[in-house]
Protein backbone atom coordinates (compact mmCIF):
# COMPACT_ATOMS: atom_id res chain seq x y z
CA UNK A 1 0.00 0.00 0.00
CA UNK A 2 1.39 3.43 -0.91
CA UNK A 3 1.39 6.49 1.30
CA UNK A 4 -1.47 8.93 1.02
CA UNK A 5 -1.60 12.57 1.98
CA UNK A 6 -4.17 13.89 4.45
CA UNK A 7 -5.34 17.34 5.51
CA UNK A 8 -6.07 17.79 9.23
CA UNK A 9 -8.52 20.48 10.37
CA UNK A 10 -10.34 21.45 13.55
CA UNK A 11 -13.65 23.21 14.08
CA UNK A 12 -12.70 24.11 17.64
CA UNK A 13 -11.87 27.73 18.33
CA UNK A 14 -12.97 30.96 16.73
CA UNK A 15 -11.57 33.49 14.31
CA UNK A 16 -11.89 37.25 14.30
CA UNK A 17 -11.92 39.22 11.09
CA UNK A 18 -9.02 41.63 10.60
CA UNK A 19 -9.71 44.99 12.25
CA UNK A 20 -12.64 43.57 14.21
CA UNK A 21 -13.83 45.73 17.09
CA UNK A 22 -16.17 43.14 18.60
CA UNK A 23 -15.44 41.30 21.86
CA UNK A 24 -17.25 38.24 20.53
CA UNK A 25 -15.75 36.14 17.73
CA UNK A 26 -17.62 36.81 14.54
CA UNK A 27 -16.44 33.93 12.37
CA UNK A 28 -16.89 30.21 12.98
CA UNK A 29 -14.72 28.23 10.61
CA UNK A 30 -12.22 25.42 10.27
CA UNK A 31 -8.57 25.91 11.09
CA UNK A 32 -5.85 23.93 9.37
CA UNK A 33 -3.83 21.85 11.82
CA UNK A 34 -1.51 20.44 9.18
CA UNK A 35 -0.89 18.07 6.29
CA UNK A 36 0.78 14.71 6.74
CA UNK A 37 1.24 11.40 4.93
CA UNK A 38 0.87 7.77 5.89
CA UNK A 39 -0.45 4.44 4.71
CA UNK A 40 -3.62 5.03 6.75
CA UNK A 41 -5.37 8.00 8.33
CA UNK A 42 -4.21 6.82 11.75
CA UNK A 43 -0.55 6.60 10.67
CA UNK A 44 -0.73 10.02 9.02
CA UNK A 45 -2.21 11.49 12.23
CA UNK A 46 0.54 9.88 14.31
CA UNK A 47 3.13 11.29 11.88
CA UNK A 48 1.53 14.73 12.13
CA UNK A 49 1.81 14.67 15.94
CA UNK A 50 5.37 13.30 15.86
CA UNK A 51 6.49 15.97 13.37
CA UNK A 52 4.60 18.78 15.17
CA UNK A 53 4.83 17.85 18.86
CA UNK A 54 3.73 21.35 19.87
CA UNK A 55 0.17 20.26 18.96
CA UNK A 56 0.12 18.09 22.08
CA UNK A 57 0.46 21.26 24.17
CA UNK A 58 -2.37 23.15 22.43
CA UNK A 59 -5.99 23.06 23.56
CA UNK A 60 -7.33 21.68 20.28
CA UNK A 61 -8.69 18.17 20.67
CA UNK A 62 -11.09 17.19 17.89
CA UNK A 63 -9.31 16.95 14.54
CA UNK A 64 -10.99 16.16 11.22
CA UNK A 65 -9.04 14.25 8.58
CA UNK A 66 -9.58 14.57 4.83
CA UNK A 67 -7.76 12.40 2.36
CA UNK A 68 -6.37 14.56 -0.40
CA UNK A 69 -8.15 12.75 -3.20
CA UNK A 70 -10.93 13.43 -5.66
CA UNK A 71 -13.23 11.25 -3.49
CA UNK A 72 -12.33 13.01 -0.22
CA UNK A 73 -15.90 12.96 1.11
CA UNK A 74 -15.73 9.16 1.37
CA UNK A 75 -12.57 9.28 3.50
CA UNK A 76 -13.50 11.66 6.36
CA UNK A 77 -12.48 10.56 9.87
CA UNK A 78 -12.25 12.39 13.23
CA UNK A 79 -9.45 12.12 15.80
CA UNK A 80 -9.00 13.38 19.35
CA UNK A 81 -5.56 14.60 20.43
CA UNK A 82 -6.25 13.73 24.09
CA UNK A 83 -6.25 10.00 23.26
CA UNK A 84 -2.66 10.28 22.01
CA UNK A 85 -1.19 12.07 25.06
C-alpha atoms as a PDB file:
ATOM      1  CA  UNK A   1       0.000   0.000   0.000  1.00  0.00           C
ATOM      2  CA  UNK A   2       1.387   3.425  -0.913  1.00  0.00           C
ATOM      3  CA  UNK A   3       1.387   6.486   1.296  1.00  0.00           C
ATOM      4  CA  UNK A   4      -1.475   8.930   1.019  1.00  0.00           C
ATOM      5  CA  UNK A   5      -1.601  12.573   1.977  1.00  0.00           C
ATOM      6  CA  UNK A   6      -4.170  13.894   4.452  1.00  0.00           C
ATOM      7  CA  UNK A   7      -5.341  17.337   5.508  1.00  0.00           C
ATOM      8  CA  UNK A   8      -6.075  17.793   9.227  1.00  0.00           C
ATOM      9  CA  UNK A   9      -8.521  20.485  10.375  1.00  0.00           C
ATOM     10  CA  UNK A  10     -10.343  21.454  13.552  1.00  0.00           C
ATOM     11  CA  UNK A  11     -13.651  23.209  14.081  1.00  0.00           C
ATOM     12  CA  UNK A  12     -12.696  24.112  17.644  1.00  0.00           C
ATOM     13  CA  UNK A  13     -11.874  27.734  18.334  1.00  0.00           C
ATOM     14  CA  UNK A  14     -12.970  30.961  16.728  1.00  0.00           C
ATOM     15  CA  UNK A  15     -11.573  33.489  14.314  1.00  0.00           C
ATOM     16  CA  UNK A  16     -11.891  37.247  14.304  1.00  0.00           C
ATOM     17  CA  UNK A  17     -11.924  39.216  11.087  1.00  0.00           C
ATOM     18  CA  UNK A  18      -9.021  41.625  10.598  1.00  0.00           C
ATOM     19  CA  UNK A  19      -9.706  44.992  12.248  1.00  0.00           C
ATOM     20  CA  UNK A  20     -12.637  43.570  14.215  1.00  0.00           C
ATOM     21  CA  UNK A  21     -13.828  45.730  17.093  1.00  0.00           C
ATOM     22  CA  UNK A  22     -16.167  43.140  18.604  1.00  0.00           C
ATOM     23  CA  UNK A  23     -15.441  41.296  21.861  1.00  0.00           C
ATOM     24  CA  UNK A  24     -17.255  38.240  20.533  1.00  0.00           C
ATOM     25  CA  UNK A  25     -15.751  36.136  17.731  1.00  0.00           C
ATOM     26  CA  UNK A  26     -17.619  36.812  14.537  1.00  0.00           C
ATOM     27  CA  UNK A  27     -16.440  33.928  12.370  1.00  0.00           C
ATOM     28  CA  UNK A  28     -16.887  30.213  12.982  1.00  0.00           C
ATOM     29  CA  UNK A  29     -14.724  28.227  10.615  1.00  0.00           C
ATOM     30  CA  UNK A  30     -12.219  25.422  10.269  1.00  0.00           C
ATOM     31  CA  UNK A  31      -8.569  25.913  11.094  1.00  0.00           C
ATOM     32  CA  UNK A  32      -5.848  23.935   9.368  1.00  0.00           C
ATOM     33  CA  UNK A  33      -3.835  21.855  11.820  1.00  0.00           C
ATOM     34  CA  UNK A  34      -1.509  20.439   9.177  1.00  0.00           C
ATOM     35  CA  UNK A  35      -0.888  18.066   6.286  1.00  0.00           C
ATOM     36  CA  UNK A  36       0.780  14.706   6.735  1.00  0.00           C
ATOM     37  CA  UNK A  37       1.245  11.404   4.927  1.00  0.00           C
ATOM     38  CA  UNK A  38       0.868   7.771   5.886  1.00  0.00           C
ATOM     39  CA  UNK A  39      -0.452   4.441   4.706  1.00  0.00           C
ATOM     40  CA  UNK A  40      -3.619   5.027   6.749  1.00  0.00           C
ATOM     41  CA  UNK A  41      -5.367   8.002   8.326  1.00  0.00           C
ATOM     42  CA  UNK A  42      -4.209   6.823  11.751  1.00  0.00           C
ATOM     43  CA  UNK A  43      -0.550   6.602  10.671  1.00  0.00           C
ATOM     44  CA  UNK A  44      -0.726  10.023   9.018  1.00  0.00           C
ATOM     45  CA  UNK A  45      -2.208  11.487  12.231  1.00  0.00           C
ATOM     46  CA  UNK A  46       0.545   9.879  14.313  1.00  0.00           C
ATOM     47  CA  UNK A  47       3.134  11.291  11.876  1.00  0.00           C
ATOM     48  CA  UNK A  48       1.526  14.730  12.131  1.00  0.00           C
ATOM     49  CA  UNK A  49       1.806  14.674  15.936  1.00  0.00           C
ATOM     50  CA  UNK A  50       5.370  13.302  15.860  1.00  0.00           C
ATOM     51  CA  UNK A  51       6.490  15.967  13.365  1.00  0.00           C
ATOM     52  CA  UNK A  52       4.600  18.776  15.170  1.00  0.00           C
ATOM     53  CA  UNK A  53       4.830  17.848  18.859  1.00  0.00           C
ATOM     54  CA  UNK A  54       3.725  21.354  19.875  1.00  0.00           C
ATOM     55  CA  UNK A  55       0.171  20.257  18.956  1.00  0.00           C
ATOM     56  CA  UNK A  56       0.121  18.085  22.084  1.00  0.00           C
ATOM     57  CA  UNK A  57       0.464  21.260  24.172  1.00  0.00           C
ATOM     58  CA  UNK A  58      -2.373  23.150  22.433  1.00  0.00           C
ATOM     59  CA  UNK A  59      -5.989  23.063  23.559  1.00  0.00           C
ATOM     60  CA  UNK A  60      -7.329  21.680  20.282  1.00  0.00           C
ATOM     61  CA  UNK A  61      -8.686  18.167  20.674  1.00  0.00           C
ATOM     62  CA  UNK A  62     -11.087  17.185  17.890  1.00  0.00           C
ATOM     63  CA  UNK A  63      -9.314  16.947  14.539  1.00  0.00           C
ATOM     64  CA  UNK A  64     -10.993  16.162  11.222  1.00  0.00           C
ATOM     65  CA  UNK A  65      -9.040  14.250   8.584  1.00  0.00           C
ATOM     66  CA  UNK A  66      -9.580  14.568   4.832  1.00  0.00           C
ATOM     67  CA  UNK A  67      -7.758  12.396   2.361  1.00  0.00           C
ATOM     68  CA  UNK A  68      -6.365  14.563  -0.396  1.00  0.00           C
ATOM     69  CA  UNK A  69      -8.146  12.751  -3.196  1.00  0.00           C
ATOM     70  CA  UNK A  70     -10.935  13.425  -5.656  1.00  0.00           C
ATOM     71  CA  UNK A  71     -13.232  11.253  -3.495  1.00  0.00           C
ATOM     72  CA  UNK A  72     -12.334  13.012  -0.224  1.00  0.00           C
ATOM     73  CA  UNK A  73     -15.900  12.960   1.114  1.00  0.00           C
ATOM     74  CA  UNK A  74     -15.731   9.156   1.372  1.00  0.00           C
ATOM     75  CA  UNK A  75     -12.565   9.281   3.504  1.00  0.00           C
ATOM     76  CA  UNK A  76     -13.501  11.664   6.357  1.00  0.00           C
ATOM     77  CA  UNK A  77     -12.484  10.563   9.873  1.00  0.00           C
ATOM     78  CA  UNK A  78     -12.255  12.389  13.227  1.00  0.00           C
ATOM     79  CA  UNK A  79      -9.447  12.119  15.796  1.00  0.00           C
ATOM     80  CA  UNK A  80      -9.005  13.384  19.350  1.00  0.00           C
ATOM     81  CA  UNK A  81      -5.558  14.595  20.431  1.00  0.00           C
ATOM     82  CA  UNK A  82      -6.245  13.734  24.091  1.00  0.00           C
ATOM     83  CA  UNK A  83      -6.249   9.999  23.264  1.00  0.00           C
ATOM     84  CA  UNK A  84      -2.659  10.283  22.013  1.00  0.00           C
ATOM     85  CA  UNK A  85      -1.190  12.071  25.064  1.00  0.00           C
END
